[in-house]
Protein backbone atom coordinates (compact mmCIF):
# COMPACT_ATOMS: atom_id res chain seq x y z
CA MET A 1 4.16 -6.02 7.07
CA THR A 2 4.14 -4.75 10.63
CA GLN A 3 1.94 -1.97 11.88
CA ALA A 4 5.05 0.12 12.56
CA THR A 5 6.03 -0.07 8.89
CA ARG A 6 2.50 0.82 7.80
CA VAL A 7 2.58 3.84 10.11
CA TRP A 8 6.00 4.85 8.71
CA LEU A 9 4.64 4.59 5.16
CA GLU A 10 1.59 6.70 5.93
CA LYS A 11 3.61 9.23 7.93
CA ASN A 12 5.86 9.66 4.91
CA SER A 13 2.92 9.85 2.48
CA TYR A 14 3.52 6.48 0.81
CA ASP A 15 0.76 4.09 -0.21
CA PRO A 16 1.10 0.71 1.56
CA THR A 17 -0.82 -0.91 -1.31
CA ASN A 18 1.63 0.30 -3.98
CA LEU A 19 5.17 0.31 -2.61
CA ASP A 20 6.76 1.36 -5.90
CA LEU A 21 4.93 4.67 -6.23
CA GLN A 22 7.32 7.58 -6.18
CA GLY A 23 6.57 10.22 -3.59
CA SER A 24 8.39 13.38 -2.63
CA TYR A 25 11.53 14.03 -4.66
CA ALA A 26 10.38 11.09 -6.84
CA ASN A 27 11.76 8.56 -4.36
CA THR A 28 10.02 5.32 -3.49
CA ALA A 29 9.52 4.27 0.13
CA LEU A 30 12.43 1.85 -0.25
CA MET A 31 14.70 4.65 -1.49
CA LYS A 32 13.77 6.82 1.49
CA ALA A 33 14.25 4.03 4.03
CA ALA A 34 17.61 3.09 2.47
CA ARG A 35 18.75 6.72 2.52
CA GLU A 36 17.68 7.08 6.15
CA GLY A 37 19.48 3.89 7.15
CA ASP A 38 16.37 2.17 8.49
CA ALA A 39 17.25 -1.51 8.05
CA THR A 40 14.01 -2.77 9.59
CA ILE A 41 11.84 -0.82 7.14
CA VAL A 42 14.10 -1.76 4.20
CA LYS A 43 13.82 -5.45 5.10
CA GLU A 44 10.04 -5.33 5.38
CA LEU A 45 9.61 -3.38 2.15
CA LEU A 46 11.81 -5.85 0.26
CA GLU A 47 9.89 -8.79 1.75
CA ALA A 48 6.65 -7.10 0.66
CA GLY A 49 7.94 -6.87 -2.91
CA ALA A 50 9.31 -3.34 -3.22
CA ASP A 51 11.45 -2.91 -6.33
CA GLY A 52 15.09 -2.25 -5.47
CA ILE A 53 16.14 -1.24 -8.97
CA LEU A 54 13.67 1.56 -9.71
CA LYS A 55 15.44 4.89 -10.20
CA ASN A 56 14.49 8.45 -9.39
CA PRO A 57 14.99 11.34 -11.86
CA ASN A 58 18.58 11.73 -10.61
CA ASP A 59 19.20 8.14 -11.75
CA PHE A 60 19.59 6.79 -8.20
CA SER A 61 18.09 3.52 -7.01
CA ALA A 62 17.62 2.39 -3.40
CA LEU A 63 20.93 0.59 -3.76
CA ASP A 64 22.63 3.86 -4.69
CA LEU A 65 21.03 5.64 -1.74
CA ALA A 66 21.77 2.96 0.88
CA VAL A 67 23.85 4.40 3.71
CA THR A 68 24.97 1.27 5.56
CA PRO A 69 26.67 -1.95 4.47
CA LYS A 70 23.82 -3.93 6.05
CA ILE A 71 21.24 -2.21 3.84
CA LEU A 72 23.44 -2.57 0.75
CA LYS A 73 23.66 -6.30 1.39
CA MET A 74 19.89 -6.63 1.90
CA ILE A 75 19.07 -4.84 -1.35
CA ARG A 76 21.73 -6.67 -3.33
CA SER A 77 20.47 -10.05 -2.13
CA SER A 78 16.79 -9.34 -2.83
CA PRO A 79 15.23 -10.68 -6.03
CA LEU A 80 15.39 -8.01 -8.71
CA LYS A 81 12.25 -7.12 -10.63
């Protein structure tokens, strides 16, 4: 994981050692990055093992929150936990 992604995680109050922890609004870091359309962060989080099928209390996963076709494709092609 790059330093830029670590900084993004910390800036957004996520724990780089536990990528599947839910933060504000019960979203994981992957959910937030997908919703913001940040393909670079999404790619790195998936490569680091973030779970793309976890859901928040509104029953949305990162896949549901993805805002670009590129991000949808990345999440769909990642190994599901």
